[in-house]
Structure formats: C-alpha cells, structure tokens
Amino acid sequence: MDAQLSEQLTGAAGVPATRTGAQILLDALVACGVDTIFGYPGGAALPLYDALFTEPRLRHVLVRHEQAAVHAAEGYARSTGRLGVVLVTSGPGVGNTMTGLLDAISDSVPVLCISGQVATDVIGTQAFQGSPRFQCNK
C-alpha cells in the first residue's frame, strides 16, 4: 500500500480514520490507476458525487447523457490503454448505459460502470428509479 493511501486510511497516531463507502471506492479507483471518470449525476449516485467533489486525484467529465458517458469512457480506454470508468445513477441511468457496455464487451475494451442503487429494502418493489440492473445486463 502506498504511503499516501495508508495515511488517508489512518488518522493521527495510526487511529483508523472514519471513511464513507464512497471515499473508499474512490481510493480503490485511484489505487488501480484511474484518473478520469465520465458520468452524469443522479439521486442514487449523489453520495459518490459528494466524495468525488473533494477528491483532487480524480477528474470528472460531465456528459449530457449516460450513454455518452459509456462511449466517452470506451474512447478513453481505447486511446489511452487505461480503464474507462463510468458513474451513473440507478434505474434509467444505468439502463441508458446498455448499448455502450455491450459495445465495450464485444470489442474487449476495459470499461467499468459504477451506478447508484435504491435502498436495499425497496429493491424489487418498483420504487422510484429502481430496476433489475443485473438481470438487464445478463
């Protein structure tokens, strides 16, 4: 583990610092060499966007549609050889990524799509912006 990440994970005197899941996810992306994320904010992804706002090691490229985020990430991955990362919200947000994700899969282009999700207790209840994203992506 590099010294900077180790310092972030522990506070003063080696006491573990309180970190949100979103902050931990962003740290993991940075540790994997990610420096750019393409995305479109939405309700279920806002905790990630809040953490991203304070993360100077990552650049966010705001797109106008979730499908554009995936195609931009795919182009980035093709042109740089690095992982293309997409950040979208749940429901229709992740649904709009399907075409780009299928294209990336078909051409073996490394793209990671991260989406928000509705609260666990309302999954499968037709809650606002809830969708069976894993079944859709099979």
N, C-alpha and C. Protein backbone atom coordinates (compact mmCIF):
# COMPACT_ATOMS: atom_id res chain seq x y z
N MET A 1 0.85 -1.17 0.00
CA MET A 1 0.00 0.00 0.00
C MET A 1 0.90 1.23 0.00
N ASP A 2 0.61 2.23 -0.83
CA ASP A 2 1.48 3.39 -0.86
C ASP A 2 1.26 4.26 0.38
N ALA A 3 2.25 5.09 0.70
CA ALA A 3 2.23 5.87 1.94
C ALA A 3 1.06 6.85 1.99
N GLN A 4 0.73 7.47 0.85
CA GLN A 4 -0.37 8.43 0.82
C GLN A 4 -1.70 7.76 1.15
N LEU A 5 -1.96 6.60 0.57
CA LEU A 5 -3.20 5.89 0.84
C LEU A 5 -3.22 5.41 2.29
N SER A 6 -2.10 4.93 2.78
CA SER A 6 -2.01 4.48 4.17
C SER A 6 -2.30 5.62 5.12
N GLU A 7 -1.79 6.81 4.81
CA GLU A 7 -2.03 7.98 5.65
C GLU A 7 -3.51 8.38 5.64
N GLN A 8 -4.18 8.24 4.49
CA GLN A 8 -5.59 8.58 4.41
C GLN A 8 -6.45 7.61 5.20
N LEU A 9 -6.05 6.35 5.23
CA LEU A 9 -6.84 5.33 5.91
C LEU A 9 -6.68 5.37 7.41
N THR A 10 -5.61 6.00 7.88
CA THR A 10 -5.40 6.14 9.32
C THR A 10 -5.26 7.61 9.65
N GLY A 11 -5.81 8.01 10.76
CA GLY A 11 -5.71 9.40 11.19
C GLY A 11 -4.44 9.60 12.01
N ALA A 12 -4.49 10.57 12.89
CA ALA A 12 -3.35 10.87 13.76
C ALA A 12 -3.04 9.66 14.63
N ALA A 13 -1.79 9.43 14.85
CA ALA A 13 -1.30 8.35 15.72
C ALA A 13 -1.76 6.97 15.26
N GLY A 14 -2.01 6.81 13.98
CA GLY A 14 -2.36 5.49 13.46
C GLY A 14 -3.78 5.03 13.77
N VAL A 15 -4.61 5.91 14.32
CA VAL A 15 -6.00 5.55 14.62
C VAL A 15 -6.78 5.55 13.31
N PRO A 16 -7.56 4.50 13.02
CA PRO A 16 -8.30 4.45 11.76
C PRO A 16 -9.22 5.66 11.59
N ALA A 17 -9.13 6.29 10.44
CA ALA A 17 -9.99 7.43 10.13
C ALA A 17 -11.36 6.93 9.70
N THR A 18 -12.38 7.72 9.96
CA THR A 18 -13.73 7.36 9.51
C THR A 18 -13.85 7.70 8.03
N ARG A 19 -14.20 6.71 7.23
CA ARG A 19 -14.31 6.87 5.78
C ARG A 19 -15.68 6.38 5.34
N THR A 20 -16.25 7.04 4.37
CA THR A 20 -17.51 6.55 3.80
C THR A 20 -17.20 5.49 2.75
N GLY A 21 -18.20 4.73 2.40
CA GLY A 21 -18.03 3.75 1.33
C GLY A 21 -17.64 4.42 0.02
N ALA A 22 -18.21 5.60 -0.23
CA ALA A 22 -17.88 6.33 -1.45
C ALA A 22 -16.40 6.72 -1.47
N GLN A 23 -15.87 7.19 -0.35
CA GLN A 23 -14.46 7.56 -0.28
C GLN A 23 -13.56 6.35 -0.47
N ILE A 24 -13.96 5.23 0.11
CA ILE A 24 -13.17 4.00 -0.04
C ILE A 24 -13.16 3.55 -1.49
N LEU A 25 -14.32 3.64 -2.16
CA LEU A 25 -14.40 3.28 -3.57
C LEU A 25 -13.49 4.17 -4.41
N LEU A 26 -13.51 5.47 -4.16
CA LEU A 26 -12.65 6.38 -4.93
C LEU A 26 -11.18 6.11 -4.66
N ASP A 27 -10.83 5.79 -3.42
CA ASP A 27 -9.44 5.42 -3.11
C ASP A 27 -9.03 4.17 -3.90
N ALA A 28 -9.94 3.20 -3.99
CA ALA A 28 -9.64 1.97 -4.73
C ALA A 28 -9.44 2.27 -6.21
N LEU A 29 -10.26 3.15 -6.77
CA LEU A 29 -10.09 3.52 -8.18
C LEU A 29 -8.72 4.16 -8.41
N VAL A 30 -8.35 5.07 -7.54
CA VAL A 30 -7.04 5.73 -7.66
C VAL A 30 -5.92 4.69 -7.53
N ALA A 31 -6.06 3.77 -6.59
CA ALA A 31 -5.05 2.73 -6.40
C ALA A 31 -4.92 1.84 -7.65
N CYS A 32 -5.99 1.75 -8.43
CA CYS A 32 -5.97 0.97 -9.67
C CYS A 32 -5.49 1.79 -10.87
N GLY A 33 -5.09 3.03 -10.63
CA GLY A 33 -4.55 3.85 -11.70
C GLY A 33 -5.56 4.72 -12.42
N VAL A 34 -6.78 4.78 -11.92
CA VAL A 34 -7.82 5.60 -12.56
C VAL A 34 -7.56 7.07 -12.24
N ASP A 35 -7.67 7.92 -13.26
CA ASP A 35 -7.54 9.36 -13.03
C ASP A 35 -8.70 10.16 -13.61
N THR A 36 -9.57 9.50 -14.39
CA THR A 36 -10.68 10.17 -15.06
C THR A 36 -11.94 9.33 -14.95
N ILE A 37 -13.05 9.99 -14.65
CA ILE A 37 -14.35 9.34 -14.58
C ILE A 37 -15.31 10.13 -15.46
N PHE A 38 -16.10 9.42 -16.24
CA PHE A 38 -17.11 10.03 -17.10
C PHE A 38 -18.47 9.76 -16.47
N GLY A 39 -19.32 10.77 -16.33
CA GLY A 39 -20.58 10.48 -15.69
C GLY A 39 -21.63 11.55 -15.81
N TYR A 40 -22.80 11.16 -15.27
CA TYR A 40 -23.97 12.02 -15.24
C TYR A 40 -24.63 11.82 -13.87
N PRO A 41 -24.70 12.86 -13.04
CA PRO A 41 -25.21 12.70 -11.68
C PRO A 41 -26.70 12.39 -11.63
N GLY A 42 -27.10 11.74 -10.58
CA GLY A 42 -28.49 11.45 -10.31
C GLY A 42 -28.64 11.04 -8.85
N GLY A 43 -29.87 11.02 -8.36
CA GLY A 43 -30.16 10.83 -6.95
C GLY A 43 -29.38 9.74 -6.24
N ALA A 44 -29.41 8.52 -6.75
CA ALA A 44 -28.79 7.40 -6.06
C ALA A 44 -27.27 7.43 -6.13
N ALA A 45 -26.70 8.23 -7.01
CA ALA A 45 -25.24 8.31 -7.14
C ALA A 45 -24.67 9.54 -6.43
N LEU A 46 -25.52 10.34 -5.81
CA LEU A 46 -25.04 11.59 -5.21
C LEU A 46 -24.01 11.40 -4.09
N PRO A 47 -24.11 10.35 -3.26
CA PRO A 47 -23.04 10.17 -2.27
C PRO A 47 -21.66 9.99 -2.93
N LEU A 48 -21.62 9.33 -4.07
CA LEU A 48 -20.35 9.19 -4.79
C LEU A 48 -19.91 10.53 -5.36
N TYR A 49 -20.85 11.30 -5.87
CA TYR A 49 -20.50 12.61 -6.41
C TYR A 49 -20.04 13.56 -5.30
N ASP A 50 -20.64 13.46 -4.11
CA ASP A 50 -20.18 14.28 -2.99
C ASP A 50 -18.73 13.97 -2.66
N ALA A 51 -18.38 12.69 -2.62
CA ALA A 51 -17.00 12.29 -2.34
C ALA A 51 -16.08 12.70 -3.48
N LEU A 52 -16.55 12.59 -4.71
CA LEU A 52 -15.74 12.93 -5.88
C LEU A 52 -15.40 14.42 -5.90
N PHE A 53 -16.32 15.25 -5.41
CA PHE A 53 -16.12 16.70 -5.38
C PHE A 53 -14.88 17.08 -4.56
N THR A 54 -14.60 16.30 -3.53
CA THR A 54 -13.46 16.61 -2.66
C THR A 54 -12.23 15.76 -2.97
N GLU A 55 -12.25 15.03 -4.07
CA GLU A 55 -11.15 14.13 -4.43
C GLU A 55 -10.30 14.75 -5.54
N PRO A 56 -9.16 15.36 -5.21
CA PRO A 56 -8.36 16.04 -6.22
C PRO A 56 -7.62 15.10 -7.18
N ARG A 57 -7.52 13.83 -6.84
CA ARG A 57 -6.77 12.91 -7.70
C ARG A 57 -7.60 12.40 -8.88
N LEU A 58 -8.89 12.69 -8.90
CA LEU A 58 -9.76 12.21 -9.98
C LEU A 58 -10.41 13.39 -10.70
N ARG A 59 -10.43 13.28 -12.02
CA ARG A 59 -11.08 14.29 -12.86
C ARG A 59 -12.41 13.72 -13.31
N HIS A 60 -13.47 14.52 -13.20
CA HIS A 60 -14.79 14.08 -13.65
C HIS A 60 -15.15 14.82 -14.94
N VAL A 61 -15.58 14.06 -15.94
CA VAL A 61 -16.04 14.65 -17.19
C VAL A 61 -17.56 14.51 -17.22
N LEU A 62 -18.25 15.65 -17.12
CA LEU A 62 -19.71 15.67 -17.11
C LEU A 62 -20.22 15.55 -18.54
N VAL A 63 -21.06 14.55 -18.76
CA VAL A 63 -21.67 14.35 -20.08
C VAL A 63 -23.13 14.75 -20.01
N ARG A 64 -23.82 14.73 -21.13
CA ARG A 64 -25.22 15.14 -21.16
C ARG A 64 -26.19 13.96 -21.17
N HIS A 65 -25.66 12.74 -21.21
CA HIS A 65 -26.50 11.54 -21.22
C HIS A 65 -25.63 10.37 -20.79
N GLU A 66 -26.23 9.42 -20.10
CA GLU A 66 -25.47 8.27 -19.60
C GLU A 66 -24.82 7.47 -20.72
N GLN A 67 -25.51 7.34 -21.85
CA GLN A 67 -24.93 6.60 -22.98
C GLN A 67 -23.65 7.28 -23.46
N ALA A 68 -23.65 8.61 -23.45
CA ALA A 68 -22.45 9.35 -23.85
C ALA A 68 -21.30 9.08 -22.88
N ALA A 69 -21.60 8.89 -21.61
CA ALA A 69 -20.55 8.60 -20.62
C ALA A 69 -19.84 7.30 -20.96
N VAL A 70 -20.62 6.28 -21.33
CA VAL A 70 -20.01 4.98 -21.65
C VAL A 70 -19.19 5.08 -22.93
N HIS A 71 -19.73 5.73 -23.94
CA HIS A 71 -18.96 5.84 -25.18
C HIS A 71 -17.70 6.68 -24.98
N ALA A 72 -17.77 7.71 -24.14
CA ALA A 72 -16.58 8.52 -23.85
C ALA A 72 -15.55 7.68 -23.09
N ALA A 73 -16.01 6.91 -22.11
CA ALA A 73 -15.10 6.04 -21.35
C ALA A 73 -14.48 4.99 -22.26
N GLU A 74 -15.27 4.48 -23.19
CA GLU A 74 -14.75 3.49 -24.14
C GLU A 74 -13.68 4.12 -25.04
N GLY A 75 -13.95 5.31 -25.54
CA GLY A 75 -12.96 6.01 -26.36
C GLY A 75 -11.69 6.32 -25.57
N TYR A 76 -11.87 6.71 -24.32
CA TYR A 76 -10.72 6.98 -23.44
C TYR A 76 -9.89 5.72 -23.26
N ALA A 77 -10.56 4.60 -23.00
CA ALA A 77 -9.85 3.33 -22.79
C ALA A 77 -9.12 2.91 -24.07
N ARG A 78 -9.76 3.05 -25.20
CA ARG A 78 -9.13 2.68 -26.47
C ARG A 78 -7.90 3.54 -26.76
N SER A 79 -8.01 4.83 -26.48
CA SER A 79 -6.92 5.74 -26.85
C SER A 79 -5.78 5.79 -25.84
N THR A 80 -6.05 5.43 -24.58
CA THR A 80 -5.01 5.52 -23.56
C THR A 80 -4.50 4.15 -23.09
N GLY A 81 -5.29 3.10 -23.33
CA GLY A 81 -4.94 1.79 -22.81
C GLY A 81 -5.27 1.63 -21.33
N ARG A 82 -5.95 2.60 -20.77
CA ARG A 82 -6.32 2.56 -19.35
C ARG A 82 -7.78 2.19 -19.20
N LEU A 83 -8.18 1.90 -17.99
CA LEU A 83 -9.57 1.57 -17.69
C LEU A 83 -10.46 2.80 -17.86
N GLY A 84 -11.55 2.65 -18.61
CA GLY A 84 -12.55 3.70 -18.73
C GLY A 84 -13.58 3.52 -17.64
N VAL A 85 -13.88 4.56 -16.88
CA VAL A 85 -14.79 4.45 -15.75
C VAL A 85 -15.99 5.36 -15.96
N VAL A 86 -17.17 4.79 -15.69
CA VAL A 86 -18.45 5.48 -15.85
C VAL A 86 -19.14 5.54 -14.49
N LEU A 87 -19.77 6.66 -14.17
CA LEU A 87 -20.53 6.81 -12.95
C LEU A 87 -21.91 7.37 -13.28
N VAL A 88 -22.96 6.59 -12.99
CA VAL A 88 -24.33 6.99 -13.29
C VAL A 88 -25.24 6.64 -12.10
N THR A 89 -26.48 7.07 -12.20
CA THR A 89 -27.45 6.76 -11.15
C THR A 89 -28.19 5.47 -11.47
N SER A 90 -29.07 5.09 -10.61
CA SER A 90 -29.81 3.84 -10.76
C SER A 90 -30.93 3.96 -11.79
N GLY A 91 -31.66 2.88 -11.97
CA GLY A 91 -32.85 2.86 -12.83
C GLY A 91 -32.54 3.21 -14.26
N PRO A 92 -33.21 4.26 -14.77
CA PRO A 92 -33.00 4.63 -16.17
C PRO A 92 -31.56 5.06 -16.46
N GLY A 93 -30.86 5.56 -15.45
CA GLY A 93 -29.47 5.97 -15.64
C GLY A 93 -28.61 4.80 -16.06
N VAL A 94 -28.68 3.71 -15.30
CA VAL A 94 -27.89 2.54 -15.65
C VAL A 94 -28.47 1.85 -16.88
N GLY A 95 -29.76 1.94 -17.08
CA GLY A 95 -30.37 1.37 -18.29
C GLY A 95 -29.84 2.02 -19.56
N ASN A 96 -29.57 3.30 -19.49
CA ASN A 96 -29.06 4.03 -20.66
C ASN A 96 -27.61 3.67 -21.01
N THR A 97 -26.96 2.89 -20.18
CA THR A 97 -25.57 2.51 -20.45
C THR A 97 -25.46 1.24 -21.28
N MET A 98 -26.56 0.53 -21.49
CA MET A 98 -26.52 -0.80 -22.11
C MET A 98 -25.80 -0.86 -23.45
N THR A 99 -26.14 0.02 -24.38
CA THR A 99 -25.53 -0.04 -25.71
C THR A 99 -24.02 0.11 -25.64
N GLY A 100 -23.56 1.11 -24.89
CA GLY A 100 -22.12 1.33 -24.77
C GLY A 100 -21.41 0.18 -24.08
N LEU A 101 -22.04 -0.39 -23.03
CA LEU A 101 -21.41 -1.52 -22.34
C LEU A 101 -21.33 -2.74 -23.24
N LEU A 102 -22.39 -2.99 -24.00
CA LEU A 102 -22.36 -4.12 -24.94
C LEU A 102 -21.28 -3.93 -26.01
N ASP A 103 -21.13 -2.69 -26.47
CA ASP A 103 -20.09 -2.41 -27.46
C ASP A 103 -18.70 -2.66 -26.86
N ALA A 104 -18.49 -2.20 -25.62
CA ALA A 104 -17.19 -2.41 -24.96
C ALA A 104 -16.92 -3.89 -24.75
N ILE A 105 -17.94 -4.64 -24.35
CA ILE A 105 -17.78 -6.08 -24.16
C ILE A 105 -17.43 -6.76 -25.48
N SER A 106 -18.16 -6.39 -26.53
CA SER A 106 -17.94 -7.00 -27.84
C SER A 106 -16.52 -6.78 -28.36
N ASP A 107 -15.96 -5.62 -28.06
CA ASP A 107 -14.62 -5.28 -28.55
C ASP A 107 -13.53 -5.46 -27.50
N SER A 108 -13.87 -6.06 -26.37
CA SER A 108 -12.91 -6.30 -25.28
C SER A 108 -12.21 -5.03 -24.82
N VAL A 109 -12.98 -3.97 -24.65
CA VAL A 109 -12.46 -2.69 -24.17
C VAL A 109 -12.74 -2.60 -22.67
N PRO A 110 -11.73 -2.29 -21.86
CA PRO A 110 -11.94 -2.27 -20.41
C PRO A 110 -12.73 -1.05 -19.94
N VAL A 111 -14.00 -1.27 -19.60
CA VAL A 111 -14.87 -0.21 -19.10
C VAL A 111 -15.53 -0.71 -17.82
N LEU A 112 -15.49 0.12 -16.79
CA LEU A 112 -16.14 -0.18 -15.52
C LEU A 112 -17.29 0.79 -15.34
N CYS A 113 -18.49 0.27 -15.14
CA CYS A 113 -19.67 1.10 -14.92
C CYS A 113 -20.09 0.99 -13.46
N ILE A 114 -20.08 2.11 -12.77
CA ILE A 114 -20.50 2.18 -11.37
C ILE A 114 -21.81 2.94 -11.33
N SER A 115 -22.80 2.35 -10.67
CA SER A 115 -24.08 3.04 -10.57
C SER A 115 -24.55 3.08 -9.13
N GLY A 116 -25.40 4.06 -8.87
CA GLY A 116 -26.06 4.11 -7.58
C GLY A 116 -27.12 3.01 -7.54
N GLN A 117 -27.75 2.84 -6.40
CA GLN A 117 -28.82 1.85 -6.25
C GLN A 117 -29.80 2.36 -5.21
N VAL A 118 -31.06 2.02 -5.40
CA VAL A 118 -32.08 2.38 -4.41
C VAL A 118 -31.78 1.65 -3.10
N ALA A 119 -32.41 2.08 -2.03
CA ALA A 119 -32.21 1.45 -0.73
C ALA A 119 -32.54 -0.04 -0.79
N THR A 120 -31.80 -0.83 -0.05
CA THR A 120 -31.94 -2.29 -0.07
C THR A 120 -33.37 -2.74 0.20
N ASP A 121 -34.06 -2.08 1.12
CA ASP A 121 -35.40 -2.53 1.49
C ASP A 121 -36.46 -2.26 0.42
N VAL A 122 -36.14 -1.48 -0.62
CA VAL A 122 -37.13 -1.25 -1.68
C VAL A 122 -36.73 -1.88 -3.02
N ILE A 123 -35.65 -2.63 -3.03
CA ILE A 123 -35.27 -3.33 -4.27
C ILE A 123 -36.38 -4.34 -4.60
N GLY A 124 -36.80 -4.33 -5.84
CA GLY A 124 -37.84 -5.25 -6.30
C GLY A 124 -39.26 -4.81 -6.01
N THR A 125 -39.43 -3.58 -5.52
CA THR A 125 -40.78 -3.10 -5.19
C THR A 125 -41.29 -2.05 -6.16
N GLN A 126 -40.61 -1.89 -7.28
CA GLN A 126 -40.95 -0.87 -8.27
C GLN A 126 -40.77 0.54 -7.70
N ALA A 127 -39.83 0.71 -6.79
CA ALA A 127 -39.54 2.02 -6.20
C ALA A 127 -39.01 2.96 -7.28
N PHE A 128 -39.09 4.26 -7.02
CA PHE A 128 -38.59 5.26 -7.95
C PHE A 128 -37.14 4.97 -8.32
N GLN A 129 -36.84 4.90 -9.58
CA GLN A 129 -35.52 4.63 -10.16
C GLN A 129 -34.93 3.29 -9.75
N GLY A 130 -35.78 2.38 -9.34
CA GLY A 130 -35.32 1.02 -9.09
C GLY A 130 -35.45 0.20 -10.36
N SER A 131 -34.50 -0.64 -10.64
CA SER A 131 -34.59 -1.53 -11.81
C SER A 131 -33.72 -2.74 -11.55
N PRO A 132 -34.08 -3.85 -12.17
CA PRO A 132 -33.27 -5.08 -12.01
C PRO A 132 -32.04 -5.03 -12.92
N ARG A 133 -31.07 -4.19 -12.57
CA ARG A 133 -29.95 -3.91 -13.48
C ARG A 133 -29.13 -5.15 -13.81
N PHE A 134 -28.97 -6.08 -12.88
CA PHE A 134 -28.17 -7.26 -13.17
C PHE A 134 -28.89 -8.16 -14.15
N GLN A 135 -30.21 -8.28 -14.02
CA GLN A 135 -30.96 -9.09 -14.97
C GLN A 135 -30.93 -8.45 -16.36
N CYS A 136 -30.95 -7.13 -16.40
CA CYS A 136 -30.90 -6.43 -17.70
C CYS A 136 -29.55 -6.61 -18.37
N ASN A 137 -28.49 -6.74 -17.58
CA ASN A 137 -27.14 -6.80 -18.13
C ASN A 137 -26.68 -8.21 -18.46
N LYS A 138 -27.49 -9.22 -18.18
CA LYS A 138 -27.06 -10.60 -18.43
C LYS A 138 -26.91 -10.87 -19.91
